[in-house]
Amino acid sequence: MTQHFEDKTLTSRSPANGNGLAIASLILGILSVTVLFIISGIPAIITGILALRRGQKERAMSIAGIVLGSIGIVLSLLFILAIIFVVYLGITTNSYEPWIDPADTFDMPVESIRV
């Protein structure tokens, strides 16, 4: 009697049956909202669009990556505008005048003090 054994070697397959771009888009989108903002927002949108055009199975992941990447870009632009606004306020306000004049805090005028 002869025994036949099947060859069970491991072969590498693409992750999630070819959904690599959709997964990358989702991960980059999450990163763009949480930490990296515009740095990972643009690649999230690009990989999401590529995944949709190539017809990958996980359409929801691609769309979520595009949406999160867009939100990350909008948040980063709002943050940049807020910084510009604060810097503008710091430049245009006269920060050299103190809020309380030290001469008003004493009971007698400064000129009447003799040393």
N, C-alpha and C. Protein backbone atom coordinates (compact mmCIF):
# COMPACT_ATOMS: atom_id res chain seq x y z
N MET A 1 0.82 -1.16 0.00
CA MET A 1 0.00 0.00 0.00
C MET A 1 0.88 1.24 0.00
N THR A 2 0.55 2.16 -0.85
CA THR A 2 1.31 3.41 -0.92
C THR A 2 0.47 4.53 -0.34
N GLN A 3 1.15 5.41 0.34
CA GLN A 3 0.45 6.57 0.90
C GLN A 3 0.85 7.80 0.11
N HIS A 4 -0.11 8.64 -0.17
CA HIS A 4 0.14 9.89 -0.88
C HIS A 4 -0.04 11.05 0.11
N PHE A 5 0.97 11.88 0.18
CA PHE A 5 0.91 13.04 1.05
C PHE A 5 0.79 14.29 0.19
N GLU A 6 -0.05 15.20 0.65
CA GLU A 6 -0.21 16.45 -0.07
C GLU A 6 0.90 17.40 0.35
N ASP A 7 1.32 18.21 -0.60
CA ASP A 7 2.34 19.22 -0.30
C ASP A 7 1.65 20.43 0.34
N LYS A 8 1.92 20.62 1.61
CA LYS A 8 1.26 21.72 2.34
C LYS A 8 2.27 22.83 2.66
N THR A 9 2.94 23.31 1.66
CA THR A 9 3.88 24.40 1.88
C THR A 9 3.12 25.71 1.99
N LEU A 10 3.66 26.60 2.77
CA LEU A 10 3.03 27.90 2.95
C LEU A 10 3.39 28.81 1.79
N THR A 11 2.42 29.41 1.24
CA THR A 11 2.65 30.38 0.18
C THR A 11 2.18 31.73 0.66
N SER A 12 2.82 32.76 0.19
CA SER A 12 2.42 34.11 0.60
C SER A 12 1.29 34.60 -0.30
N ARG A 13 0.29 35.14 0.34
CA ARG A 13 -0.82 35.72 -0.38
C ARG A 13 -0.90 37.19 -0.01
N SER A 14 -1.55 37.95 -0.86
CA SER A 14 -1.72 39.35 -0.54
C SER A 14 -2.69 39.48 0.63
N PRO A 15 -2.49 40.48 1.48
CA PRO A 15 -3.31 40.59 2.68
C PRO A 15 -4.78 40.84 2.34
N ALA A 16 -5.66 40.11 2.99
CA ALA A 16 -7.11 40.28 2.89
C ALA A 16 -7.59 40.19 1.45
N ASN A 17 -7.03 39.26 0.70
CA ASN A 17 -7.47 39.01 -0.67
C ASN A 17 -7.40 40.24 -1.57
N GLY A 18 -6.32 40.97 -1.50
CA GLY A 18 -6.13 42.10 -2.40
C GLY A 18 -6.73 43.40 -1.91
N ASN A 19 -6.99 43.52 -0.64
CA ASN A 19 -7.55 44.74 -0.08
C ASN A 19 -6.49 45.60 0.60
N GLY A 20 -5.27 45.47 0.16
CA GLY A 20 -4.17 46.20 0.81
C GLY A 20 -4.32 47.70 0.74
N LEU A 21 -4.76 48.23 -0.40
CA LEU A 21 -4.93 49.68 -0.52
C LEU A 21 -6.06 50.18 0.35
N ALA A 22 -7.13 49.41 0.45
CA ALA A 22 -8.25 49.82 1.30
C ALA A 22 -7.84 49.84 2.76
N ILE A 23 -7.08 48.83 3.18
CA ILE A 23 -6.60 48.78 4.57
C ILE A 23 -5.63 49.92 4.83
N ALA A 24 -4.73 50.17 3.89
CA ALA A 24 -3.77 51.28 4.05
C ALA A 24 -4.50 52.61 4.13
N SER A 25 -5.53 52.77 3.32
CA SER A 25 -6.30 54.02 3.34
C SER A 25 -6.96 54.22 4.69
N LEU A 26 -7.53 53.16 5.25
CA LEU A 26 -8.19 53.26 6.54
C LEU A 26 -7.20 53.57 7.65
N ILE A 27 -6.06 52.90 7.66
CA ILE A 27 -5.04 53.14 8.69
C ILE A 27 -4.50 54.56 8.59
N LEU A 28 -4.20 55.00 7.37
CA LEU A 28 -3.70 56.37 7.20
C LEU A 28 -4.76 57.40 7.57
N GLY A 29 -6.02 57.10 7.29
CA GLY A 29 -7.10 58.01 7.67
C GLY A 29 -7.23 58.13 9.18
N ILE A 30 -7.11 57.01 9.88
CA ILE A 30 -7.17 57.06 11.34
C ILE A 30 -5.99 57.85 11.89
N LEU A 31 -4.82 57.63 11.33
CA LEU A 31 -3.65 58.39 11.78
C LEU A 31 -3.79 59.88 11.49
N SER A 32 -4.42 60.22 10.38
CA SER A 32 -4.55 61.63 10.03
C SER A 32 -5.49 62.37 10.98
N VAL A 33 -6.46 61.68 11.54
CA VAL A 33 -7.38 62.32 12.48
C VAL A 33 -6.76 62.39 13.88
N THR A 34 -5.94 61.42 14.23
CA THR A 34 -5.42 61.36 15.59
C THR A 34 -4.09 62.07 15.79
N VAL A 35 -3.10 61.77 14.95
CA VAL A 35 -1.77 62.31 15.22
C VAL A 35 -1.11 63.05 14.08
N LEU A 36 -1.13 62.51 12.91
CA LEU A 36 -0.28 63.03 11.85
C LEU A 36 -0.94 64.05 10.93
N PHE A 37 -2.21 64.28 11.05
CA PHE A 37 -2.98 65.26 10.30
C PHE A 37 -2.68 65.25 8.81
N ILE A 38 -2.11 66.33 8.30
CA ILE A 38 -1.96 66.48 6.85
C ILE A 38 -0.92 65.53 6.27
N ILE A 39 0.03 65.09 7.10
CA ILE A 39 1.08 64.20 6.61
C ILE A 39 0.50 62.87 6.14
N SER A 40 -0.47 62.34 6.85
CA SER A 40 -1.07 61.07 6.43
C SER A 40 -2.45 61.25 5.82
N GLY A 41 -3.00 62.45 5.85
CA GLY A 41 -4.32 62.69 5.27
C GLY A 41 -4.32 62.59 3.75
N ILE A 42 -3.32 63.18 3.13
CA ILE A 42 -3.24 63.15 1.66
C ILE A 42 -3.01 61.72 1.15
N PRO A 43 -2.06 60.96 1.71
CA PRO A 43 -1.93 59.57 1.26
C PRO A 43 -3.17 58.71 1.54
N ALA A 44 -3.92 59.02 2.60
CA ALA A 44 -5.15 58.27 2.88
C ALA A 44 -6.17 58.48 1.76
N ILE A 45 -6.28 59.70 1.29
CA ILE A 45 -7.21 60.00 0.21
C ILE A 45 -6.75 59.34 -1.09
N ILE A 46 -5.46 59.42 -1.36
CA ILE A 46 -4.93 58.84 -2.61
C ILE A 46 -5.11 57.33 -2.63
N THR A 47 -4.74 56.66 -1.54
CA THR A 47 -4.87 55.19 -1.52
C THR A 47 -6.34 54.77 -1.51
N GLY A 48 -7.21 55.55 -0.90
CA GLY A 48 -8.63 55.24 -0.93
C GLY A 48 -9.22 55.34 -2.33
N ILE A 49 -8.83 56.37 -3.05
CA ILE A 49 -9.31 56.53 -4.43
C ILE A 49 -8.77 55.42 -5.32
N LEU A 50 -7.48 55.08 -5.14
CA LEU A 50 -6.91 53.97 -5.93
C LEU A 50 -7.61 52.65 -5.64
N ALA A 51 -7.95 52.41 -4.38
CA ALA A 51 -8.64 51.17 -4.02
C ALA A 51 -10.03 51.13 -4.64
N LEU A 52 -10.71 52.27 -4.68
CA LEU A 52 -12.04 52.30 -5.31
C LEU A 52 -11.95 52.08 -6.81
N ARG A 53 -10.96 52.68 -7.43
CA ARG A 53 -10.82 52.54 -8.89
C ARG A 53 -10.42 51.12 -9.29
N ARG A 54 -9.64 50.46 -8.44
CA ARG A 54 -9.23 49.09 -8.76
C ARG A 54 -10.30 48.07 -8.41
N GLY A 55 -11.39 48.52 -7.81
CA GLY A 55 -12.51 47.64 -7.52
C GLY A 55 -12.24 46.64 -6.43
N GLN A 56 -11.52 47.04 -5.41
CA GLN A 56 -11.26 46.12 -4.31
C GLN A 56 -12.54 45.84 -3.54
N LYS A 57 -12.57 44.71 -2.88
CA LYS A 57 -13.79 44.24 -2.23
C LYS A 57 -14.24 45.12 -1.07
N GLU A 58 -13.32 45.59 -0.29
CA GLU A 58 -13.66 46.37 0.89
C GLU A 58 -13.88 47.84 0.53
N ARG A 59 -15.01 48.12 -0.05
CA ARG A 59 -15.34 49.48 -0.48
C ARG A 59 -15.54 50.40 0.74
N ALA A 60 -16.11 49.87 1.81
CA ALA A 60 -16.36 50.67 3.01
C ALA A 60 -15.06 51.17 3.64
N MET A 61 -14.02 50.32 3.64
CA MET A 61 -12.73 50.74 4.19
C MET A 61 -12.13 51.88 3.37
N SER A 62 -12.27 51.79 2.05
CA SER A 62 -11.74 52.83 1.19
C SER A 62 -12.44 54.15 1.43
N ILE A 63 -13.76 54.09 1.52
CA ILE A 63 -14.54 55.31 1.75
C ILE A 63 -14.24 55.89 3.13
N ALA A 64 -14.11 55.03 4.13
CA ALA A 64 -13.78 55.50 5.48
C ALA A 64 -12.40 56.16 5.50
N GLY A 65 -11.44 55.59 4.78
CA GLY A 65 -10.11 56.19 4.69
C GLY A 65 -10.14 57.54 4.03
N ILE A 66 -10.94 57.67 2.96
CA ILE A 66 -11.07 58.96 2.27
C ILE A 66 -11.71 60.00 3.19
N VAL A 67 -12.77 59.61 3.89
CA VAL A 67 -13.46 60.55 4.78
C VAL A 67 -12.55 60.96 5.94
N LEU A 68 -11.90 60.00 6.58
CA LEU A 68 -11.02 60.33 7.71
C LEU A 68 -9.81 61.15 7.26
N GLY A 69 -9.28 60.85 6.08
CA GLY A 69 -8.18 61.65 5.55
C GLY A 69 -8.60 63.08 5.29
N SER A 70 -9.82 63.26 4.77
CA SER A 70 -10.34 64.61 4.52
C SER A 70 -10.55 65.36 5.83
N ILE A 71 -11.08 64.67 6.84
CA ILE A 71 -11.28 65.31 8.14
C ILE A 71 -9.92 65.70 8.74
N GLY A 72 -8.92 64.83 8.60
CA GLY A 72 -7.59 65.15 9.12
C GLY A 72 -6.99 66.37 8.44
N ILE A 73 -7.20 66.51 7.13
CA ILE A 73 -6.68 67.68 6.41
C ILE A 73 -7.40 68.94 6.86
N VAL A 74 -8.73 68.87 7.01
CA VAL A 74 -9.49 70.03 7.46
C VAL A 74 -9.06 70.44 8.87
N LEU A 75 -8.87 69.46 9.76
CA LEU A 75 -8.42 69.77 11.12
C LEU A 75 -7.04 70.43 11.12
N SER A 76 -6.15 69.93 10.28
CA SER A 76 -4.81 70.53 10.25
C SER A 76 -4.86 71.94 9.69
N LEU A 77 -5.71 72.19 8.69
CA LEU A 77 -5.83 73.55 8.16
C LEU A 77 -6.43 74.49 9.19
N LEU A 78 -7.43 74.03 9.95
CA LEU A 78 -7.99 74.86 11.02
C LEU A 78 -6.95 75.14 12.10
N PHE A 79 -6.13 74.16 12.42
CA PHE A 79 -5.07 74.35 13.41
C PHE A 79 -4.05 75.38 12.93
N ILE A 80 -3.68 75.29 11.66
CA ILE A 80 -2.73 76.26 11.09
C ILE A 80 -3.32 77.66 11.09
N LEU A 81 -4.60 77.78 10.72
CA LEU A 81 -5.26 79.09 10.75
C LEU A 81 -5.35 79.65 12.16
N ALA A 82 -5.59 78.79 13.15
CA ALA A 82 -5.64 79.25 14.54
C ALA A 82 -4.28 79.76 15.00
N ILE A 83 -3.22 79.08 14.61
CA ILE A 83 -1.87 79.53 14.97
C ILE A 83 -1.57 80.87 14.31
N ILE A 84 -1.92 81.01 13.04
CA ILE A 84 -1.70 82.28 12.34
C ILE A 84 -2.49 83.39 13.01
N PHE A 85 -3.73 83.12 13.43
CA PHE A 85 -4.55 84.13 14.10
C PHE A 85 -3.95 84.55 15.43
N VAL A 86 -3.47 83.59 16.21
CA VAL A 86 -2.87 83.91 17.51
C VAL A 86 -1.59 84.72 17.33
N VAL A 87 -0.78 84.35 16.35
CA VAL A 87 0.44 85.11 16.08
C VAL A 87 0.09 86.52 15.62
N TYR A 88 -0.93 86.64 14.78
CA TYR A 88 -1.36 87.96 14.31
C TYR A 88 -1.83 88.81 15.48
N LEU A 89 -2.60 88.22 16.39
CA LEU A 89 -3.04 88.99 17.57
C LEU A 89 -1.85 89.40 18.43
N GLY A 90 -0.88 88.53 18.55
CA GLY A 90 0.30 88.88 19.34
C GLY A 90 1.12 89.99 18.72
N ILE A 91 1.13 90.06 17.41
CA ILE A 91 1.90 91.11 16.73
C ILE A 91 1.16 92.43 16.76
N THR A 92 -0.15 92.42 16.55
CA THR A 92 -0.89 93.67 16.41
C THR A 92 -1.25 94.31 17.73
N THR A 93 -1.37 93.55 18.80
CA THR A 93 -1.68 94.18 20.09
C THR A 93 -0.41 94.78 20.67
N ASN A 94 -0.58 95.87 21.39
CA ASN A 94 0.56 96.55 22.00
C ASN A 94 0.89 95.84 23.30
N SER A 95 1.80 94.92 23.23
CA SER A 95 2.13 94.13 24.41
C SER A 95 3.16 94.80 25.31
N TYR A 96 3.59 96.00 24.96
CA TYR A 96 4.60 96.68 25.76
C TYR A 96 3.97 97.49 26.89
N GLU A 97 2.68 97.80 26.81
CA GLU A 97 2.01 98.50 27.89
C GLU A 97 1.53 97.48 28.92
N PRO A 98 1.89 97.66 30.15
CA PRO A 98 1.42 96.71 31.16
C PRO A 98 -0.08 96.91 31.43
N TRP A 99 -0.72 95.85 31.88
CA TRP A 99 -2.15 95.94 32.17
C TRP A 99 -2.41 96.85 33.37
N ILE A 100 -1.55 96.81 34.38
CA ILE A 100 -1.69 97.65 35.56
C ILE A 100 -0.46 98.54 35.64
N ASP A 101 -0.68 99.80 35.74
CA ASP A 101 0.43 100.74 35.83
C ASP A 101 1.00 100.66 37.25
N PRO A 102 2.29 100.38 37.39
CA PRO A 102 2.87 100.26 38.73
C PRO A 102 2.75 101.53 39.56
N ALA A 103 2.70 102.69 38.92
CA ALA A 103 2.59 103.93 39.68
C ALA A 103 1.22 104.06 40.33
N ASP A 104 0.20 103.42 39.78
CA ASP A 104 -1.14 103.50 40.36
C ASP A 104 -1.30 102.59 41.57
N THR A 105 -0.40 101.72 41.81
CA THR A 105 -0.55 100.79 42.92
C THR A 105 -0.11 101.38 44.25
N PHE A 106 0.61 102.48 44.24
CA PHE A 106 1.06 103.11 45.47
C PHE A 106 0.10 104.22 45.86
N ASP A 107 0.11 104.56 47.15
CA ASP A 107 -0.76 105.63 47.66
C ASP A 107 -0.23 107.00 47.29
N MET A 108 1.07 107.18 47.22
CA MET A 108 1.63 108.48 46.91
C MET A 108 2.25 108.49 45.52
N PRO A 109 2.29 109.63 44.89
CA PRO A 109 2.90 109.72 43.56
C PRO A 109 4.37 109.42 43.62
N VAL A 110 4.90 108.91 42.51
CA VAL A 110 6.30 108.51 42.44
C VAL A 110 7.21 109.73 42.58
N GLU A 111 6.78 110.90 42.08
CA GLU A 111 7.62 112.10 42.12
C GLU A 111 7.87 112.61 43.53
N SER A 112 6.97 112.31 44.47
CA SER A 112 7.11 112.83 45.82
C SER A 112 8.03 111.97 46.69
N ILE A 113 8.48 110.85 46.18
CA ILE A 113 9.38 110.00 46.96
C ILE A 113 10.79 110.56 46.85
N ARG A 114 11.41 110.85 48.02
CA ARG A 114 12.77 111.39 48.01
C ARG A 114 13.70 110.36 48.61
N VAL A 115 14.83 110.26 48.01
CA VAL A 115 15.80 109.29 48.49
C VAL A 115 16.91 109.98 49.23
